[in-house]
Amino acid sequence: AVDWFKGAYGNDPAVEASVLTLFTKPNVPDVRSFLLNQE
């Protein structure tokens, strides 16, 4: 699923694409600030 998203949007100039994963632990140090920074 992650690879599908990166393939579809990773090089799309219209978006700044990112992924939040929670297994086995969150892939970002501060989930709240990371998500609040998204649109």
ModelCIF file with pLDDT and N, C-alpha, C, O atoms, coordinates in Angstrom:
data_MODEL
#
_entry.id   MODEL 
#
_entity.id                         1 
_entity.type                       polymer 
_entity.pdbx_number_of_molecules   1 
#
_entity_poly.entity_id                      1 
_entity_poly.type                           'polypeptide(L)' 
_entity_poly.nstd_linkage                   no 
_entity_poly.nstd_monomer                   no 
_entity_poly.pdbx_seq_one_letter_code       AVDWFKGAYGNDPAVEASVLTLFTKPNVPDVRSFLLNQE 
_entity_poly.pdbx_seq_one_letter_code_can   AVDWFKGAYGNDPAVEASVLTLFTKPNVPDVRSFLLNQE 
_entity_poly.pdbx_strand_id                 A 
#
loop_
_entity_poly_seq.entity_id 
_entity_poly_seq.num 
_entity_poly_seq.mon_id 
_entity_poly_seq.hetero 
1 1  ALA n 
1 2  VAL n 
1 3  ASP n 
1 4  TRP n 
1 5  PHE n 
1 6  LYS n 
1 7  GLY n 
1 8  ALA n 
1 9  TYR n 
1 10 GLY n 
1 11 ASN n 
1 12 ASP n 
1 13 PRO n 
1 14 ALA n 
1 15 VAL n 
1 16 GLU n 
1 17 ALA n 
1 18 SER n 
1 19 VAL n 
1 20 LEU n 
1 21 THR n 
1 22 LEU n 
1 23 PHE n 
1 24 THR n 
1 25 LYS n 
1 26 PRO n 
1 27 ASN n 
1 28 VAL n 
1 29 PRO n 
1 30 ASP n 
1 31 VAL n 
1 32 ARG n 
1 33 SER n 
1 34 PHE n 
1 35 LEU n 
1 36 LEU n 
1 37 ASN n 
1 38 GLN n 
1 39 GLU n 
#
_struct_asym.id          A 
_struct_asym.entity_id   1 
#
loop_
_ma_qa_metric.id 
_ma_qa_metric.mode 
_ma_qa_metric.name 
_ma_qa_metric.software_group_id 
_ma_qa_metric.type 
1 global pLDDT . pLDDT 
2 local  pLDDT . pLDDT 
#
_ma_qa_metric_global.metric_id      1 
_ma_qa_metric_global.metric_value   97.23 
_ma_qa_metric_global.model_id       1 
_ma_qa_metric_global.ordinal_id     1 
#
loop_
_ma_qa_metric_local.label_asym_id 
_ma_qa_metric_local.label_comp_id 
_ma_qa_metric_local.label_seq_id 
_ma_qa_metric_local.metric_id 
_ma_qa_metric_local.metric_value 
_ma_qa_metric_local.model_id 
_ma_qa_metric_local.ordinal_id 
A ALA 1  2 97.00 1 1  
A VAL 2  2 97.00 1 2  
A ASP 3  2 97.00 1 3  
A TRP 4  2 96.00 1 4  
A PHE 5  2 97.00 1 5  
A LYS 6  2 96.00 1 6  
A GLY 7  2 96.00 1 7  
A ALA 8  2 96.00 1 8  
A TYR 9  2 97.00 1 9  
A GLY 10 2 95.00 1 10 
A ASN 11 2 95.00 1 11 
A ASP 12 2 96.00 1 12 
A PRO 13 2 96.00 1 13 
A ALA 14 2 96.00 1 14 
A VAL 15 2 98.00 1 15 
A GLU 16 2 98.00 1 16 
A ALA 17 2 98.00 1 17 
A SER 18 2 98.00 1 18 
A VAL 19 2 98.00 1 19 
A LEU 20 2 98.00 1 20 
A THR 21 2 98.00 1 21 
A LEU 22 2 98.00 1 22 
A PHE 23 2 97.00 1 23 
A THR 24 2 95.00 1 24 
A LYS 25 2 97.00 1 25 
A PRO 26 2 98.00 1 26 
A ASN 27 2 98.00 1 27 
A VAL 28 2 98.00 1 28 
A PRO 29 2 98.00 1 29 
A ASP 30 2 98.00 1 30 
A VAL 31 2 98.00 1 31 
A ARG 32 2 98.00 1 32 
A SER 33 2 98.00 1 33 
A PHE 34 2 98.00 1 34 
A LEU 35 2 98.00 1 35 
A LEU 36 2 98.00 1 36 
A ASN 37 2 98.00 1 37 
A GLN 38 2 98.00 1 38 
A GLU 39 2 98.00 1 39 
#
loop_
_atom_site.group_PDB 
_atom_site.id 
_atom_site.type_symbol 
_atom_site.label_atom_id 
_atom_site.label_alt_id 
_atom_site.label_comp_id 
_atom_site.label_asym_id 
_atom_site.label_entity_id 
_atom_site.label_seq_id 
_atom_site.pdbx_PDB_ins_code 
_atom_site.Cartn_x 
_atom_site.Cartn_y 
_atom_site.Cartn_z 
_atom_site.occupancy 
_atom_site.B_iso_or_equiv 
_atom_site.pdbx_formal_charge 
_atom_site.auth_seq_id 
_atom_site.auth_comp_id 
_atom_site.auth_asym_id 
_atom_site.auth_atom_id 
_atom_site.pdbx_PDB_model_num 
ATOM 1   N N  . ALA A 1 1  ? 0.835  -1.202 0.000  1.00 97.00 ? 1  ALA A N  1 
ATOM 2   C CA . ALA A 1 1  ? 0.000  0.000  0.000  1.00 97.00 ? 1  ALA A CA 1 
ATOM 3   C C  . ALA A 1 1  ? 0.870  1.253  0.000  1.00 97.00 ? 1  ALA A C  1 
ATOM 4   O O  . ALA A 1 1  ? 0.582  2.220  -0.704 1.00 97.00 ? 1  ALA A O  1 
ATOM 5   N N  . VAL A 1 2  ? 1.939  1.224  0.798  1.00 97.00 ? 2  VAL A N  1 
ATOM 6   C CA . VAL A 1 2  ? 2.859  2.364  0.850  1.00 97.00 ? 2  VAL A CA 1 
ATOM 7   C C  . VAL A 1 2  ? 3.534  2.559  -0.504 1.00 97.00 ? 2  VAL A C  1 
ATOM 8   O O  . VAL A 1 2  ? 3.666  3.687  -0.978 1.00 97.00 ? 2  VAL A O  1 
ATOM 9   N N  . ASP A 1 3  ? 3.959  1.466  -1.125 1.00 97.00 ? 3  ASP A N  1 
ATOM 10  C CA . ASP A 1 3  ? 4.610  1.559  -2.431 1.00 97.00 ? 3  ASP A CA 1 
ATOM 11  C C  . ASP A 1 3  ? 3.643  2.091  -3.490 1.00 97.00 ? 3  ASP A C  1 
ATOM 12  O O  . ASP A 1 3  ? 4.024  2.880  -4.354 1.00 97.00 ? 3  ASP A O  1 
ATOM 13  N N  . TRP A 1 4  ? 2.384  1.646  -3.409 1.00 96.00 ? 4  TRP A N  1 
ATOM 14  C CA . TRP A 1 4  ? 1.380  2.153  -4.355 1.00 96.00 ? 4  TRP A CA 1 
ATOM 15  C C  . TRP A 1 4  ? 1.254  3.663  -4.246 1.00 96.00 ? 4  TRP A C  1 
ATOM 16  O O  . TRP A 1 4  ? 1.248  4.365  -5.257 1.00 96.00 ? 4  TRP A O  1 
ATOM 17  N N  . PHE A 1 5  ? 1.153  4.167  -3.013 1.00 97.00 ? 5  PHE A N  1 
ATOM 18  C CA . PHE A 1 5  ? 0.996  5.601  -2.821 1.00 97.00 ? 5  PHE A CA 1 
ATOM 19  C C  . PHE A 1 5  ? 2.228  6.358  -3.323 1.00 97.00 ? 5  PHE A C  1 
ATOM 20  O O  . PHE A 1 5  ? 2.101  7.372  -4.009 1.00 97.00 ? 5  PHE A O  1 
ATOM 21  N N  . LYS A 1 6  ? 3.404  5.868  -2.982 1.00 96.00 ? 6  LYS A N  1 
ATOM 22  C CA . LYS A 1 6  ? 4.619  6.553  -3.414 1.00 96.00 ? 6  LYS A CA 1 
ATOM 23  C C  . LYS A 1 6  ? 4.748  6.537  -4.936 1.00 96.00 ? 6  LYS A C  1 
ATOM 24  O O  . LYS A 1 6  ? 5.214  7.505  -5.536 1.00 96.00 ? 6  LYS A O  1 
ATOM 25  N N  . GLY A 1 7  ? 4.333  5.434  -5.554 1.00 96.00 ? 7  GLY A N  1 
ATOM 26  C CA . GLY A 1 7  ? 4.375  5.365  -7.005 1.00 96.00 ? 7  GLY A CA 1 
ATOM 27  C C  . GLY A 1 7  ? 3.405  6.328  -7.659 1.00 96.00 ? 7  GLY A C  1 
ATOM 28  O O  . GLY A 1 7  ? 3.700  6.904  -8.706 1.00 96.00 ? 7  GLY A O  1 
ATOM 29  N N  . ALA A 1 8  ? 2.235  6.504  -7.034 1.00 96.00 ? 8  ALA A N  1 
ATOM 30  C CA . ALA A 1 8  ? 1.202  7.375  -7.604 1.00 96.00 ? 8  ALA A CA 1 
ATOM 31  C C  . ALA A 1 8  ? 1.475  8.850  -7.346 1.00 96.00 ? 8  ALA A C  1 
ATOM 32  O O  . ALA A 1 8  ? 1.184  9.695  -8.192 1.00 96.00 ? 8  ALA A O  1 
ATOM 33  N N  . TYR A 1 9  ? 2.037  9.163  -6.174 1.00 97.00 ? 9  TYR A N  1 
ATOM 34  C CA . TYR A 1 9  ? 2.121  10.567 -5.779 1.00 97.00 ? 9  TYR A CA 1 
ATOM 35  C C  . TYR A 1 9  ? 3.514  11.042 -5.375 1.00 97.00 ? 9  TYR A C  1 
ATOM 36  O O  . TYR A 1 9  ? 3.714  12.236 -5.155 1.00 97.00 ? 9  TYR A O  1 
ATOM 37  N N  . GLY A 1 10 ? 4.474  10.133 -5.275 1.00 95.00 ? 10 GLY A N  1 
ATOM 38  C CA . GLY A 1 10 ? 5.795  10.522 -4.814 1.00 95.00 ? 10 GLY A CA 1 
ATOM 39  C C  . GLY A 1 10 ? 6.487  11.543 -5.695 1.00 95.00 ? 10 GLY A C  1 
ATOM 40  O O  . GLY A 1 10 ? 7.285  12.343 -5.206 1.00 95.00 ? 10 GLY A O  1 
ATOM 41  N N  . ASN A 1 11 ? 6.190  11.528 -7.002 1.00 95.00 ? 11 ASN A N  1 
ATOM 42  C CA . ASN A 1 11 ? 6.804  12.465 -7.936 1.00 95.00 ? 11 ASN A CA 1 
ATOM 43  C C  . ASN A 1 11 ? 5.793  13.440 -8.531 1.00 95.00 ? 11 ASN A C  1 
ATOM 44  O O  . ASN A 1 11 ? 6.055  14.070 -9.556 1.00 95.00 ? 11 ASN A O  1 
ATOM 45  N N  . ASP A 1 12 ? 4.647  13.558 -7.885 1.00 96.00 ? 12 ASP A N  1 
ATOM 46  C CA . ASP A 1 12 ? 3.600  14.462 -8.369 1.00 96.00 ? 12 ASP A CA 1 
ATOM 47  C C  . ASP A 1 12 ? 3.915  15.881 -7.907 1.00 96.00 ? 12 ASP A C  1 
ATOM 48  O O  . ASP A 1 12 ? 3.941  16.132 -6.702 1.00 96.00 ? 12 ASP A O  1 
ATOM 49  N N  . PRO A 1 13 ? 4.154  16.815 -8.822 1.00 96.00 ? 13 PRO A N  1 
ATOM 50  C CA . PRO A 1 13 ? 4.515  18.174 -8.410 1.00 96.00 ? 13 PRO A CA 1 
ATOM 51  C C  . PRO A 1 13 ? 3.380  18.928 -7.726 1.00 96.00 ? 13 PRO A C  1 
ATOM 52  O O  . PRO A 1 13 ? 3.611  19.973 -7.119 1.00 96.00 ? 13 PRO A O  1 
ATOM 53  N N  . ALA A 1 14 ? 2.147  18.407 -7.818 1.00 96.00 ? 14 ALA A N  1 
ATOM 54  C CA . ALA A 1 14 ? 1.017  19.094 -7.198 1.00 96.00 ? 14 ALA A CA 1 
ATOM 55  C C  . ALA A 1 14 ? 0.917  18.844 -5.703 1.00 96.00 ? 14 ALA A C  1 
ATOM 56  O O  . ALA A 1 14 ? 0.188  19.546 -5.002 1.00 96.00 ? 14 ALA A O  1 
ATOM 57  N N  . VAL A 1 15 ? 1.658  17.830 -5.203 1.00 98.00 ? 15 VAL A N  1 
ATOM 58  C CA . VAL A 1 15 ? 1.550  17.483 -3.788 1.00 98.00 ? 15 VAL A CA 1 
ATOM 59  C C  . VAL A 1 15 ? 2.927  17.324 -3.159 1.00 98.00 ? 15 VAL A C  1 
ATOM 60  O O  . VAL A 1 15 ? 3.912  17.000 -3.822 1.00 98.00 ? 15 VAL A O  1 
ATOM 61  N N  . GLU A 1 16 ? 2.954  17.562 -1.865 1.00 98.00 ? 16 GLU A N  1 
ATOM 62  C CA . GLU A 1 16 ? 4.099  17.195 -1.033 1.00 98.00 ? 16 GLU A CA 1 
ATOM 63  C C  . GLU A 1 16 ? 3.666  15.956 -0.281 1.00 98.00 ? 16 GLU A C  1 
ATOM 64  O O  . GLU A 1 16 ? 3.043  16.046 0.777  1.00 98.00 ? 16 GLU A O  1 
ATOM 65  N N  . ALA A 1 17 ? 3.997  14.797 -0.829 1.00 98.00 ? 17 ALA A N  1 
ATOM 66  C CA . ALA A 1 17 ? 3.425  13.531 -0.360 1.00 98.00 ? 17 ALA A CA 1 
ATOM 67  C C  . ALA A 1 17 ? 4.198  12.967 0.823  1.00 98.00 ? 17 ALA A C  1 
ATOM 68  O O  . ALA A 1 17 ? 5.425  13.041 0.881  1.00 98.00 ? 17 ALA A O  1 
ATOM 69  N N  . SER A 1 18 ? 3.445  12.400 1.768  1.00 98.00 ? 18 SER A N  1 
ATOM 70  C CA . SER A 1 18 ? 4.047  11.735 2.920  1.00 98.00 ? 18 SER A CA 1 
ATOM 71  C C  . SER A 1 18 ? 3.146  10.595 3.354  1.00 98.00 ? 18 SER A C  1 
ATOM 72  O O  . SER A 1 18 ? 1.997  10.499 2.923  1.00 98.00 ? 18 SER A O  1 
ATOM 73  N N  . VAL A 1 19 ? 3.674  9.730  4.212  1.00 98.00 ? 19 VAL A N  1 
ATOM 74  C CA . VAL A 1 19 ? 2.926  8.574  4.717  1.00 98.00 ? 19 VAL A CA 1 
ATOM 75  C C  . VAL A 1 19 ? 3.097  8.512  6.230  1.00 98.00 ? 19 VAL A C  1 
ATOM 76  O O  . VAL A 1 19 ? 4.201  8.686  6.746  1.00 98.00 ? 19 VAL A O  1 
ATOM 77  N N  . LEU A 1 20 ? 1.993  8.261  6.939  1.00 98.00 ? 20 LEU A N  1 
ATOM 78  C CA . LEU A 1 20 ? 2.061  7.974  8.373  1.00 98.00 ? 20 LEU A CA 1 
ATOM 79  C C  . LEU A 1 20 ? 1.817  6.492  8.573  1.00 98.00 ? 20 LEU A C  1 
ATOM 80  O O  . LEU A 1 20 ? 0.741  5.991  8.248  1.00 98.00 ? 20 LEU A O  1 
ATOM 81  N N  . THR A 1 21 ? 2.803  5.783  9.104  1.00 98.00 ? 21 THR A N  1 
ATOM 82  C CA . THR A 1 21 ? 2.625  4.388  9.488  1.00 98.00 ? 21 THR A CA 1 
ATOM 83  C C  . THR A 1 21 ? 2.737  4.269  11.003 1.00 98.00 ? 21 THR A C  1 
ATOM 84  O O  . THR A 1 21 ? 3.451  5.035  11.649 1.00 98.00 ? 21 THR A O  1 
ATOM 85  N N  . LEU A 1 22 ? 2.021  3.296  11.556 1.00 98.00 ? 22 LEU A N  1 
ATOM 86  C CA . LEU A 1 22 ? 1.986  3.087  13.004 1.00 98.00 ? 22 LEU A CA 1 
ATOM 87  C C  . LEU A 1 22 ? 2.559  1.747  13.424 1.00 98.00 ? 22 LEU A C  1 
ATOM 88  O O  . LEU A 1 22 ? 2.755  1.502  14.614 1.00 98.00 ? 22 LEU A O  1 
ATOM 89  N N  . PHE A 1 23 ? 2.832  0.867  12.451 1.00 97.00 ? 23 PHE A N  1 
ATOM 90  C CA . PHE A 1 23 ? 3.425  -0.436 12.733 1.00 97.00 ? 23 PHE A CA 1 
ATOM 91  C C  . PHE A 1 23 ? 4.922  -0.383 12.424 1.00 97.00 ? 23 PHE A C  1 
ATOM 92  O O  . PHE A 1 23 ? 5.297  0.143  11.376 1.00 97.00 ? 23 PHE A O  1 
ATOM 93  N N  . THR A 1 24 ? 5.770  -0.893 13.269 1.00 95.00 ? 24 THR A N  1 
ATOM 94  C CA . THR A 1 24 ? 5.475  -1.383 14.614 1.00 95.00 ? 24 THR A CA 1 
ATOM 95  C C  . THR A 1 24 ? 5.463  -0.245 15.619 1.00 95.00 ? 24 THR A C  1 
ATOM 96  O O  . THR A 1 24 ? 5.098  -0.429 16.781 1.00 95.00 ? 24 THR A O  1 
ATOM 97  N N  . LYS A 1 25 ? 5.858  0.910  15.168 1.00 97.00 ? 25 LYS A N  1 
ATOM 98  C CA . LYS A 1 25 ? 5.766  2.138  15.947 1.00 97.00 ? 25 LYS A CA 1 
ATOM 99  C C  . LYS A 1 25 ? 5.631  3.282  14.949 1.00 97.00 ? 25 LYS A C  1 
ATOM 100 O O  . LYS A 1 25 ? 5.953  3.104  13.775 1.00 97.00 ? 25 LYS A O  1 
ATOM 101 N N  . PRO A 1 26 ? 5.163  4.451  15.383 1.00 98.00 ? 26 PRO A N  1 
ATOM 102 C CA . PRO A 1 26 ? 5.013  5.560  14.436 1.00 98.00 ? 26 PRO A CA 1 
ATOM 103 C C  . PRO A 1 26 ? 6.332  5.900  13.738 1.00 98.00 ? 26 PRO A C  1 
ATOM 104 O O  . PRO A 1 26 ? 7.405  5.862  14.340 1.00 98.00 ? 26 PRO A O  1 
ATOM 105 N N  . ASN A 1 27 ? 6.218  6.228  12.460 1.00 98.00 ? 27 ASN A N  1 
ATOM 106 C CA . ASN A 1 27 ? 7.413  6.538  11.665 1.00 98.00 ? 27 ASN A CA 1 
ATOM 107 C C  . ASN A 1 27 ? 7.819  8.010  11.748 1.00 98.00 ? 27 ASN A C  1 
ATOM 108 O O  . ASN A 1 27 ? 8.753  8.439  11.071 1.00 98.00 ? 27 ASN A O  1 
ATOM 109 N N  . VAL A 1 28 ? 7.111  8.785  12.585 1.00 98.00 ? 28 VAL A N  1 
ATOM 110 C CA . VAL A 1 28 ? 7.480  10.183 12.823 1.00 98.00 ? 28 VAL A CA 1 
ATOM 111 C C  . VAL A 1 28 ? 7.592  10.388 14.329 1.00 98.00 ? 28 VAL A C  1 
ATOM 112 O O  . VAL A 1 28 ? 6.898  9.713  15.088 1.00 98.00 ? 28 VAL A O  1 
ATOM 113 N N  . PRO A 1 29 ? 8.450  11.306 14.780 1.00 98.00 ? 29 PRO A N  1 
ATOM 114 C CA . PRO A 1 29 ? 8.662  11.457 16.221 1.00 98.00 ? 29 PRO A CA 1 
ATOM 115 C C  . PRO A 1 29 ? 7.495  12.095 16.961 1.00 98.00 ? 29 PRO A C  1 
ATOM 116 O O  . PRO A 1 29 ? 7.307  11.830 18.148 1.00 98.00 ? 29 PRO A O  1 
ATOM 117 N N  . ASP A 1 30 ? 6.708  12.929 16.289 1.00 98.00 ? 30 ASP A N  1 
ATOM 118 C CA . ASP A 1 30 ? 5.586  13.616 16.927 1.00 98.00 ? 30 ASP A CA 1 
ATOM 119 C C  . ASP A 1 30 ? 4.394  13.536 15.985 1.00 98.00 ? 30 ASP A C  1 
ATOM 120 O O  . ASP A 1 30 ? 4.275  14.333 15.054 1.00 98.00 ? 30 ASP A O  1 
ATOM 121 N N  . VAL A 1 31 ? 3.512  12.572 16.229 1.00 98.00 ? 31 VAL A N  1 
ATOM 122 C CA . VAL A 1 31 ? 2.385  12.327 15.325 1.00 98.00 ? 31 VAL A CA 1 
ATOM 123 C C  . VAL A 1 31 ? 1.471  13.541 15.247 1.00 98.00 ? 31 VAL A C  1 
ATOM 124 O O  . VAL A 1 31 ? 1.016  13.913 14.166 1.00 98.00 ? 31 VAL A O  1 
ATOM 125 N N  . ARG A 1 32 ? 1.205  14.157 16.389 1.00 98.00 ? 32 ARG A N  1 
ATOM 126 C CA . ARG A 1 32 ? 0.279  15.303 16.412 1.00 98.00 ? 32 ARG A CA 1 
ATOM 127 C C  . ARG A 1 32 ? 0.789  16.447 15.537 1.00 98.00 ? 32 ARG A C  1 
ATOM 128 O O  . ARG A 1 32 ? 0.056  16.942 14.682 1.00 98.00 ? 32 ARG A O  1 
ATOM 129 N N  . SER A 1 33 ? 2.032  16.869 15.741 1.00 98.00 ? 33 SER A N  1 
ATOM 130 C CA . SER A 1 33 ? 2.544  18.002 14.968 1.00 98.00 ? 33 SER A CA 1 
ATOM 131 C C  . SER A 1 33 ? 2.665  17.640 13.495 1.00 98.00 ? 33 SER A C  1 
ATOM 132 O O  . SER A 1 33 ? 2.440  18.483 12.627 1.00 98.00 ? 33 SER A O  1 
ATOM 133 N N  . PHE A 1 34 ? 3.019  16.394 13.209 1.00 98.00 ? 34 PHE A N  1 
ATOM 134 C CA . PHE A 1 34 ? 3.121  15.950 11.820 1.00 98.00 ? 34 PHE A CA 1 
ATOM 135 C C  . PHE A 1 34 ? 1.769  16.053 11.116 1.00 98.00 ? 34 PHE A C  1 
ATOM 136 O O  . PHE A 1 34 ? 1.690  16.581 10.007 1.00 98.00 ? 34 PHE A O  1 
ATOM 137 N N  . LEU A 1 35 ? 0.709  15.553 11.747 1.00 98.00 ? 35 LEU A N  1 
ATOM 138 C CA . LEU A 1 35 ? -0.600 15.566 11.109 1.00 98.00 ? 35 LEU A CA 1 
ATOM 139 C C  . LEU A 1 35 ? -1.191 16.970 11.038 1.00 98.00 ? 35 LEU A C  1 
ATOM 140 O O  . LEU A 1 35 ? -1.846 17.315 10.054 1.00 98.00 ? 35 LEU A O  1 
ATOM 141 N N  . LEU A 1 36 ? -0.971 17.773 12.057 1.00 98.00 ? 36 LEU A N  1 
ATOM 142 C CA . LEU A 1 36 ? -1.482 19.152 12.022 1.00 98.00 ? 36 LEU A CA 1 
ATOM 143 C C  . LEU A 1 36 ? -0.821 19.974 10.933 1.00 98.00 ? 36 LEU A C  1 
ATOM 144 O O  . LEU A 1 36 ? -1.368 20.991 10.506 1.00 98.00 ? 36 LEU A O  1 
ATOM 145 N N  . ASN A 1 37 ? 0.342  19.551 10.480 1.00 98.00 ? 37 ASN A N  1 
ATOM 146 C CA . ASN A 1 37 ? 1.040  20.270 9.421  1.00 98.00 ? 37 ASN A CA 1 
ATOM 147 C C  . ASN A 1 37 ? 0.566  19.868 8.025  1.00 98.00 ? 37 ASN A C  1 
ATOM 148 O O  . ASN A 1 37 ? 0.966  20.476 7.032  1.00 98.00 ? 37 ASN A O  1 
ATOM 149 N N  . GLN A 1 38 ? -0.289 18.842 7.950  1.00 98.00 ? 38 GLN A N  1 
ATOM 150 C CA . GLN A 1 38 ? -0.809 18.401 6.660  1.00 98.00 ? 38 GLN A CA 1 
ATOM 151 C C  . GLN A 1 38 ? -2.019 19.234 6.259  1.00 98.00 ? 38 GLN A C  1 
ATOM 152 O O  . GLN A 1 38 ? -2.627 19.917 7.083  1.00 98.00 ? 38 GLN A O  1 
ATOM 153 N N  . GLU A 1 39 ? -2.354 19.161 4.970  1.00 98.00 ? 39 GLU A N  1 
ATOM 154 C CA . GLU A 1 39 ? -3.551 19.853 4.474  1.00 98.00 ? 39 GLU A CA 1 
ATOM 155 C C  . GLU A 1 39 ? -4.621 18.875 3.994  1.00 98.00 ? 39 GLU A C  1 
ATOM 156 O O  . GLU A 1 39 ? -5.688 19.297 3.547  1.00 98.00 ? 39 GLU A O  1 
#
